[in-house]
Amino acid sequence: MPLGASKMDKILCWVNQIEPLDNISLDVFIEYHSKILSFPLGTERLQYGPDFLKQQDTQLDAVTMQYKDKPIIKCFEIKKQGASSGLKQVCFNVTGPVLFVYIHTNE
């Protein structure tokens, strides 16, 4: 989930450049991402020793457990809201759950 949150941060930036998602609260993604920024993720982990990573992983797991189901629930909320608004579906796989983002079409 931590790497997915980092990807989600980038995706939200790209989507908001196309069309702001003003009617959808994305706070759960923003909050979780802000809480994990200080942890080494991805290839950055190669710079640290196993003892340090074990300690960091314990802390990271505690933060992740606080948000466990919230991103998945939000993804389905976005999907449901988009479908009921007649918006075009754009799907992004963010390492784990699939996030469905909807953008308006001119069709």
C-alpha atoms as a PDB file:
ATOM      1  CA  MET A   1       0.000   0.000   0.000  1.00  0.00           C
ATOM      2  CA  PRO A   2       2.810   2.522   0.657  1.00  0.00           C
ATOM      3  CA  LEU A   3       4.103   2.388  -2.933  1.00  0.00           C
ATOM      4  CA  GLY A   4       0.536   2.602  -4.195  1.00  0.00           C
ATOM      5  CA  ALA A   5       0.030   5.771  -2.145  1.00  0.00           C
ATOM      6  CA  SER A   6       3.089   7.341  -3.743  1.00  0.00           C
ATOM      7  CA  LYS A   7       1.799   6.440  -7.192  1.00  0.00           C
ATOM      8  CA  MET A   8      -1.624   7.747  -6.254  1.00  0.00           C
ATOM      9  CA  ASP A   9      -0.134  11.113  -5.309  1.00  0.00           C
ATOM     10  CA  LYS A  10       1.341  11.424  -8.806  1.00  0.00           C
ATOM     11  CA  ILE A  11      -1.843  10.199 -10.492  1.00  0.00           C
ATOM     12  CA  LEU A  12      -3.992  12.714  -8.629  1.00  0.00           C
ATOM     13  CA  CYS A  13      -1.657  15.480  -9.722  1.00  0.00           C
ATOM     14  CA  TRP A  14      -1.992  14.383 -13.371  1.00  0.00           C
ATOM     15  CA  VAL A  15      -5.765  13.951 -13.185  1.00  0.00           C
ATOM     16  CA  ASN A  16      -6.246  17.360 -11.568  1.00  0.00           C
ATOM     17  CA  GLN A  17      -4.314  18.932 -14.441  1.00  0.00           C
ATOM     18  CA  ILE A  18      -6.824  17.398 -16.877  1.00  0.00           C
ATOM     19  CA  GLU A  19      -9.911  18.097 -14.813  1.00  0.00           C
ATOM     20  CA  PRO A  20     -10.077  18.898 -11.096  1.00  0.00           C
ATOM     21  CA  LEU A  21     -11.999  16.354  -9.039  1.00  0.00           C
ATOM     22  CA  ASP A  22     -13.746  19.000  -6.958  1.00  0.00           C
ATOM     23  CA  ASN A  23     -16.792  16.908  -6.082  1.00  0.00           C
ATOM     24  CA  ILE A  24     -14.792  13.964  -4.712  1.00  0.00           C
ATOM     25  CA  SER A  25     -12.945  14.080  -1.387  1.00  0.00           C
ATOM     26  CA  LEU A  26      -9.501  12.536  -1.805  1.00  0.00           C
ATOM     27  CA  ASP A  27      -8.360  13.311   1.732  1.00  0.00           C
ATOM     28  CA  VAL A  28      -7.735   9.666   2.648  1.00  0.00           C
ATOM     29  CA  PHE A  29      -5.074   9.361  -0.068  1.00  0.00           C
ATOM     30  CA  ILE A  30      -3.484  12.704   0.779  1.00  0.00           C
ATOM     31  CA  GLU A  31      -3.436  12.016   4.539  1.00  0.00           C
ATOM     32  CA  TYR A  32      -1.947   8.540   4.216  1.00  0.00           C
ATOM     33  CA  HIS A  33       0.699   9.700   1.744  1.00  0.00           C
ATOM     34  CA  SER A  34       1.729  12.572   4.018  1.00  0.00           C
ATOM     35  CA  LYS A  35       2.159  10.166   6.959  1.00  0.00           C
ATOM     36  CA  ILE A  36       4.462   7.784   5.068  1.00  0.00           C
ATOM     37  CA  LEU A  37       6.709  10.329   3.329  1.00  0.00           C
ATOM     38  CA  SER A  38       9.456   9.955   5.928  1.00  0.00           C
ATOM     39  CA  PHE A  39       9.766   6.178   5.466  1.00  0.00           C
ATOM     40  CA  PRO A  40      12.155   4.641   2.925  1.00  0.00           C
ATOM     41  CA  LEU A  41      10.127   3.060   0.121  1.00  0.00           C
ATOM     42  CA  GLY A  42      10.960   1.225  -3.092  1.00  0.00           C
ATOM     43  CA  THR A  43      14.594   1.235  -4.198  1.00  0.00           C
ATOM     44  CA  GLU A  44      15.389   3.847  -1.546  1.00  0.00           C
ATOM     45  CA  ARG A  45      15.343   0.939   0.924  1.00  0.00           C
ATOM     46  CA  LEU A  46      18.563  -0.405  -0.616  1.00  0.00           C
ATOM     47  CA  GLN A  47      20.454   2.403   1.128  1.00  0.00           C
ATOM     48  CA  TYR A  48      19.649   1.105   4.628  1.00  0.00           C
ATOM     49  CA  GLY A  49      20.594  -1.867   6.753  1.00  0.00           C
ATOM     50  CA  PRO A  50      18.207  -4.645   7.763  1.00  0.00           C
ATOM     51  CA  ASP A  51      17.928  -3.586  11.426  1.00  0.00           C
ATOM     52  CA  PHE A  52      16.945  -0.039  10.511  1.00  0.00           C
ATOM     53  CA  LEU A  53      14.460  -1.284   7.909  1.00  0.00           C
ATOM     54  CA  LYS A  54      12.901  -3.685  10.404  1.00  0.00           C
ATOM     55  CA  GLN A  55      12.358  -0.813  12.837  1.00  0.00           C
ATOM     56  CA  GLN A  56      10.967   1.424  10.080  1.00  0.00           C
ATOM     57  CA  ASP A  57       8.695  -1.351   8.799  1.00  0.00           C
ATOM     58  CA  THR A  58       7.170  -1.765  12.266  1.00  0.00           C
ATOM     59  CA  GLN A  59       6.316   1.939  12.345  1.00  0.00           C
ATOM     60  CA  LEU A  60       5.139   1.952   8.726  1.00  0.00           C
ATOM     61  CA  ASP A  61       2.905  -1.083   9.345  1.00  0.00           C
ATOM     62  CA  ALA A  62       1.284   0.731  12.303  1.00  0.00           C
ATOM     63  CA  VAL A  63       0.468   3.738  10.101  1.00  0.00           C
ATOM     64  CA  THR A  64      -0.761   1.500   7.284  1.00  0.00           C
ATOM     65  CA  MET A  65      -3.074  -0.417   9.627  1.00  0.00           C
ATOM     66  CA  GLN A  66      -4.782   2.880  10.564  1.00  0.00           C
ATOM     67  CA  TYR A  67      -5.720   3.326   6.902  1.00  0.00           C
ATOM     68  CA  LYS A  68      -6.144  -0.349   6.025  1.00  0.00           C
ATOM     69  CA  ASP A  69      -9.530  -0.329   4.252  1.00  0.00           C
ATOM     70  CA  LYS A  70     -10.065   3.394   3.697  1.00  0.00           C
ATOM     71  CA  PRO A  71      -8.380   3.656   0.256  1.00  0.00           C
ATOM     72  CA  ILE A  72     -10.293   0.664  -1.095  1.00  0.00           C
ATOM     73  CA  ILE A  73     -13.590   2.031   0.214  1.00  0.00           C
ATOM     74  CA  LYS A  74     -12.793   5.419  -1.354  1.00  0.00           C
ATOM     75  CA  CYS A  75     -11.978   3.782  -4.703  1.00  0.00           C
ATOM     76  CA  PHE A  76     -15.400   2.142  -4.801  1.00  0.00           C
ATOM     77  CA  GLU A  77     -17.026   5.421  -3.766  1.00  0.00           C
ATOM     78  CA  ILE A  78     -15.271   7.183  -6.662  1.00  0.00           C
ATOM     79  CA  LYS A  79     -16.324   4.418  -9.034  1.00  0.00           C
ATOM     80  CA  LYS A  80     -19.961   4.570  -7.892  1.00  0.00           C
ATOM     81  CA  GLN A  81     -20.092   8.367  -8.048  1.00  0.00           C
ATOM     82  CA  GLY A  82     -18.518   8.405 -11.494  1.00  0.00           C
ATOM     83  CA  ALA A  83     -20.857   5.775 -12.889  1.00  0.00           C
ATOM     84  CA  SER A  84     -23.941   7.567 -11.596  1.00  0.00           C
ATOM     85  CA  SER A  85     -22.717  10.810 -13.192  1.00  0.00           C
ATOM     86  CA  GLY A  86     -22.266   9.231 -16.633  1.00  0.00           C
ATOM     87  CA  LEU A  87     -18.536   9.846 -16.701  1.00  0.00           C
ATOM     88  CA  LYS A  88     -15.958   7.950 -18.728  1.00  0.00           C
ATOM     89  CA  GLN A  89     -13.949   5.430 -16.735  1.00  0.00           C
ATOM     90  CA  VAL A  90     -10.178   5.671 -16.579  1.00  0.00           C
ATOM     91  CA  CYS A  91      -8.507   2.895 -14.603  1.00  0.00           C
ATOM     92  CA  PHE A  92      -5.142   3.112 -12.851  1.00  0.00           C
ATOM     93  CA  ASN A  93      -3.532   0.148 -11.126  1.00  0.00           C
ATOM     94  CA  VAL A  94      -1.719   1.468  -8.074  1.00  0.00           C
ATOM     95  CA  THR A  95       0.013  -1.647  -6.749  1.00  0.00           C
ATOM     96  CA  GLY A  96      -2.725  -3.461  -4.995  1.00  0.00           C
ATOM     97  CA  PRO A  97      -6.252  -2.189  -5.275  1.00  0.00           C
ATOM     98  CA  VAL A  98      -7.279  -0.726  -8.585  1.00  0.00           C
ATOM     99  CA  LEU A  99      -8.330   2.893  -8.472  1.00  0.00           C
ATOM    100  CA  PHE A 100     -11.065   3.946 -10.846  1.00  0.00           C
ATOM    101  CA  VAL A 101     -10.918   7.617 -11.725  1.00  0.00           C
ATOM    102  CA  TYR A 102     -13.593   9.214 -13.859  1.00  0.00           C
ATOM    103  CA  ILE A 103     -13.204  12.198 -16.125  1.00  0.00           C
ATOM    104  CA  HIS A 104     -15.840  14.008 -18.183  1.00  0.00           C
ATOM    105  CA  THR A 105     -16.056  13.257 -21.870  1.00  0.00           C
ATOM    106  CA  ASN A 106     -17.342  15.506 -24.628  1.00  0.00           C
ATOM    107  CA  GLU A 107     -19.262  12.634 -26.232  1.00  0.00           C
END
